Amino acid sequence: MIAIDFAGAPPVIHQTLHIYREGAQPQAALAHAAQALAWRRFERRGEGSLRRALENYPAASFQRLYVEQSLEHLQAHHVGWVLGQCLRLLTVEGVLVVRCPDLKALCQLVATNRLTEPLYEMASLPVTALDLLFGHRAQIARGDAGVLRRSGFTEGLLIATLRHHGFRTVRSVTRPSAPHFDLWALASKAERCAEQMAGLIARYLPPCQRHSF
């Protein structure tokens, strides 16, 4: 089942909505998020609590949306629906922050025969490239199907997907080494210049090895 946590009434404009997989540890940089919508898995046909929750909010409710460690758990045909809802929920000047695994970095590990090499530990459990690609095997073995990963992105694909679903200006950053192996995107609903995007990246994204402009 999908777990939804509403802290009171639907938020008003200027607040933040943070979407992340239940049980995940949100980045400290996102800890100021005003609301959290936690979920285990997306219903196969796009039905259920996540759909009702997102549709419950009126258009242009938020200035910021964080979608962290979430898109990779959706089936590919559900990713577009979620991004469409994100676009609807943002104000005209709103921004979306996305964090997901970096498939390019993970595939480089696979290509060098490091598929099952422990890369770092999470909750005292070793994490491998295989876990990051498909879902943590130990958690799956314990019955947590919510960690299964059904989609994936390279930096280029994530940027193209966000633009395809209506975001006008998109920039990305990567952290292709342990303990991260992730990529981040900052997507603006409105057109913004490079200087404006650089300021937003400094404010909302973590320090990283490379920025794409």
Protein backbone atom coordinates (compact mmCIF):
# COMPACT_ATOMS: atom_id res chain seq x y z
CA MET A 1 0.00 0.00 0.00
CA ILE A 2 0.97 3.64 -0.39
CA ALA A 3 1.40 5.65 2.79
CA ILE A 4 0.34 9.30 2.71
CA ASP A 5 0.92 11.76 5.51
CA PHE A 6 -1.04 15.01 5.45
CA ALA A 7 -0.02 17.39 8.22
CA GLY A 8 -3.24 19.35 8.49
CA ALA A 9 -5.05 21.11 5.67
CA PRO A 10 -3.69 21.34 2.11
CA PRO A 11 -0.85 23.87 2.07
CA VAL A 12 -1.21 27.33 0.69
CA ILE A 13 1.05 29.10 -1.74
CA HIS A 14 4.72 29.73 -0.78
CA GLN A 15 5.13 26.38 0.93
CA THR A 16 7.13 23.34 -0.09
CA LEU A 17 6.01 19.81 -0.91
CA HIS A 18 8.58 17.04 -0.41
CA ILE A 19 7.93 13.68 -2.09
CA TYR A 20 10.14 10.78 -1.08
CA ARG A 21 9.96 7.03 -0.63
CA GLU A 22 8.80 6.04 2.83
CA GLY A 23 11.72 4.82 4.89
CA ALA A 24 14.28 6.77 2.88
CA GLN A 25 16.49 9.28 4.65
CA PRO A 26 15.91 12.72 3.07
CA GLN A 27 18.96 14.83 2.42
CA ALA A 28 19.74 17.27 5.21
CA ALA A 29 19.52 20.08 2.67
CA LEU A 30 15.85 19.25 2.20
CA ALA A 31 14.99 19.01 5.89
CA HIS A 32 13.25 22.39 5.81
CA ALA A 33 10.51 21.04 3.52
CA ALA A 34 7.18 22.20 4.91
CA GLN A 35 5.23 19.03 4.10
CA ALA A 36 6.15 15.43 3.35
CA LEU A 37 4.20 13.07 1.14
CA ALA A 38 5.66 9.62 1.75
CA TRP A 39 4.96 6.60 -0.42
CA ARG A 40 6.06 3.03 -0.79
CA ARG A 41 5.12 2.26 -4.36
CA PHE A 42 3.00 3.63 -7.15
CA GLU A 43 -0.11 1.67 -8.07
CA ARG A 44 0.28 -0.25 -11.31
CA ARG A 45 -2.33 1.77 -13.25
CA GLY A 46 -1.67 5.10 -11.61
CA GLU A 47 -4.51 4.70 -9.14
CA GLY A 48 -4.49 4.91 -5.37
CA SER A 49 -3.30 7.22 -2.65
CA LEU A 50 -0.49 8.98 -4.48
CA ARG A 51 -2.80 10.01 -7.32
CA ARG A 52 -5.52 11.17 -4.95
CA ALA A 53 -2.99 13.04 -2.83
CA LEU A 54 -1.48 14.98 -5.70
CA GLU A 55 -4.86 15.72 -7.23
CA ASN A 56 -6.10 16.95 -3.85
CA TYR A 57 -3.95 20.07 -4.09
CA PRO A 58 -5.17 22.96 -6.25
CA ALA A 59 -3.06 24.25 -9.12
CA ALA A 60 -0.22 26.64 -8.30
CA SER A 61 -0.10 25.61 -4.62
CA PHE A 62 3.68 25.52 -4.20
CA GLN A 63 6.77 27.52 -5.00
CA ARG A 64 9.04 24.50 -4.51
CA LEU A 65 8.65 20.77 -5.07
CA TYR A 66 11.25 18.20 -4.04
CA VAL A 67 11.01 14.75 -5.63
CA GLU A 68 13.76 12.76 -3.96
CA GLN A 69 14.62 9.09 -4.55
CA SER A 70 11.19 8.56 -6.04
CA LEU A 71 11.02 8.61 -9.84
CA GLU A 72 13.20 5.52 -10.13
CA HIS A 73 10.62 3.54 -8.15
CA LEU A 74 7.85 4.31 -10.66
CA GLN A 75 7.04 2.45 -13.82
CA ALA A 76 8.16 4.53 -16.78
CA HIS A 77 4.65 5.40 -17.96
CA HIS A 78 3.80 6.78 -14.51
CA VAL A 79 6.79 9.14 -14.39
CA GLY A 80 5.18 11.50 -16.90
CA TRP A 81 1.95 11.68 -14.94
CA VAL A 82 3.80 12.58 -11.73
CA LEU A 83 5.85 15.26 -13.51
CA GLY A 84 2.69 16.65 -15.07
CA GLN A 85 1.17 16.96 -11.62
CA CYS A 86 4.33 18.65 -10.37
CA LEU A 87 4.07 21.21 -13.17
CA ARG A 88 0.41 21.84 -12.32
CA LEU A 89 1.11 22.30 -8.61
CA LEU A 90 3.89 24.85 -9.08
CA THR A 91 3.36 28.58 -9.20
CA VAL A 92 4.42 30.42 -12.35
CA GLU A 93 7.85 31.07 -10.83
CA GLY A 94 8.02 27.69 -9.09
CA VAL A 95 10.90 25.22 -9.25
CA LEU A 96 11.16 21.44 -9.04
CA VAL A 97 14.16 19.64 -7.55
CA VAL A 98 14.68 15.99 -8.54
CA ARG A 99 17.20 13.54 -7.12
CA CYS A 100 17.72 10.02 -8.51
CA PRO A 101 20.49 7.46 -9.14
CA ASP A 102 22.91 8.22 -11.97
CA LEU A 103 22.72 5.27 -14.36
CA LYS A 104 25.85 6.35 -16.22
CA ALA A 105 27.93 6.24 -13.06
CA LEU A 106 26.45 2.88 -12.09
CA CYS A 107 27.01 1.42 -15.54
CA GLN A 108 30.67 2.41 -15.33
CA LEU A 109 30.88 0.27 -12.20
CA VAL A 110 29.22 -2.60 -14.05
CA ALA A 111 31.64 -2.22 -16.99
CA THR A 112 34.60 -2.56 -14.63
CA ASN A 113 33.24 -5.74 -12.98
CA ARG A 114 32.24 -3.96 -9.78
CA LEU A 115 28.56 -4.93 -9.87
CA THR A 116 28.52 -6.62 -6.45
CA GLU A 117 31.39 -4.75 -4.80
CA PRO A 118 30.29 -3.01 -1.57
CA LEU A 119 30.38 0.72 -2.27
CA TYR A 120 29.26 2.08 1.11
CA GLU A 121 26.97 1.15 3.98
CA MET A 122 23.40 2.22 4.66
CA ALA A 123 21.78 1.28 7.98
CA SER A 124 24.74 -1.08 8.58
CA LEU A 125 24.02 -2.89 5.29
CA PRO A 126 26.45 -2.90 2.34
CA VAL A 127 25.18 -1.22 -0.82
CA THR A 128 26.33 -2.37 -4.26
CA ALA A 129 25.80 -1.15 -7.80
CA LEU A 130 23.35 -4.00 -8.25
CA ASP A 131 21.32 -2.68 -5.30
CA LEU A 132 21.35 0.85 -6.71
CA LEU A 133 20.21 -0.36 -10.11
CA PHE A 134 17.35 -2.65 -9.09
CA GLY A 135 16.63 -2.08 -5.41
CA HIS A 136 18.42 -3.17 -2.25
CA ARG A 137 18.40 -6.97 -2.29
CA ALA A 138 18.46 -7.42 1.48
CA GLN A 139 15.43 -5.16 1.94
CA ILE A 140 13.58 -6.89 -0.89
CA ALA A 141 14.31 -10.24 0.72
CA ARG A 142 12.69 -8.94 3.90
CA GLY A 143 9.52 -8.19 1.95
CA ASP A 144 9.94 -4.46 1.28
CA ALA A 145 8.78 -4.30 -2.34
CA GLY A 146 8.80 -0.52 -2.10
CA VAL A 147 12.55 -0.42 -2.70
CA LEU A 148 12.22 -2.04 -6.15
CA ARG A 149 13.45 0.28 -8.89
CA ARG A 150 11.41 0.26 -12.08
CA SER A 151 12.86 3.24 -13.99
CA GLY A 152 16.21 4.91 -14.43
CA PHE A 153 17.85 8.04 -15.75
CA THR A 154 21.07 9.32 -17.15
CA GLU A 155 21.67 13.04 -16.87
CA GLY A 156 20.64 13.63 -20.48
CA LEU A 157 17.47 11.54 -20.20
CA LEU A 158 16.36 13.26 -17.00
CA ILE A 159 16.82 16.71 -18.56
CA ALA A 160 14.97 15.66 -21.72
CA THR A 161 12.12 14.12 -19.69
CA LEU A 162 11.63 17.25 -17.62
CA ARG A 163 11.61 19.45 -20.70
CA HIS A 164 9.23 17.10 -22.50
CA HIS A 165 6.75 17.47 -19.65
CA GLY A 166 6.70 21.25 -19.73
CA PHE A 167 9.56 22.59 -17.65
CA ARG A 168 11.06 25.54 -19.52
CA THR A 169 14.57 25.71 -18.04
CA VAL A 170 16.43 22.72 -16.63
CA ARG A 171 19.92 22.38 -15.16
CA SER A 172 21.57 19.36 -13.58
CA VAL A 173 24.43 18.39 -11.29
CA THR A 174 26.09 15.02 -10.75
CA ARG A 175 27.83 13.24 -7.88
CA PRO A 176 29.18 10.10 -9.62
CA SER A 177 31.24 8.67 -6.77
CA ALA A 178 30.66 7.02 -3.38
CA PRO A 179 28.59 7.37 -1.36
CA HIS A 180 26.30 9.18 -3.80
CA PHE A 181 26.21 7.93 -7.39
CA ASP A 182 23.30 10.29 -7.92
CA LEU A 183 22.21 13.11 -10.17
CA TRP A 184 20.11 16.16 -9.40
CA ALA A 185 18.03 18.37 -11.63
CA LEU A 186 16.60 21.82 -11.02
CA ALA A 187 13.64 22.49 -13.29
CA SER A 188 11.93 25.85 -13.61
CA LYS A 189 8.36 26.29 -14.78
CA ALA A 190 9.35 29.66 -16.28
CA GLU A 191 12.20 30.64 -18.58
CA ARG A 192 15.25 31.70 -16.55
CA CYS A 193 18.68 32.94 -17.56
CA ALA A 194 21.93 31.16 -16.65
CA GLU A 195 22.66 33.60 -13.84
CA GLN A 196 19.25 33.03 -12.26
CA MET A 197 19.63 29.27 -12.50
CA ALA A 198 23.11 29.40 -10.98
CA GLY A 199 21.68 31.23 -7.98
CA LEU A 200 18.92 28.65 -7.55
CA ILE A 201 21.40 25.78 -7.85
CA ALA A 202 23.55 27.32 -5.12
CA ARG A 203 20.46 27.62 -2.92
CA TYR A 204 18.72 24.30 -3.51
CA LEU A 205 21.23 21.72 -4.74
CA PRO A 206 24.13 20.09 -2.87
CA PRO A 207 27.80 20.74 -3.69
CA CYS A 208 28.77 18.53 -6.60
CA GLN A 209 31.53 17.68 -9.01
CA ARG A 210 29.97 19.16 -12.12
CA HIS A 211 27.21 21.47 -13.22
CA SER A 212 25.66 21.28 -16.65
CA PHE A 213 24.53 24.48 -18.37
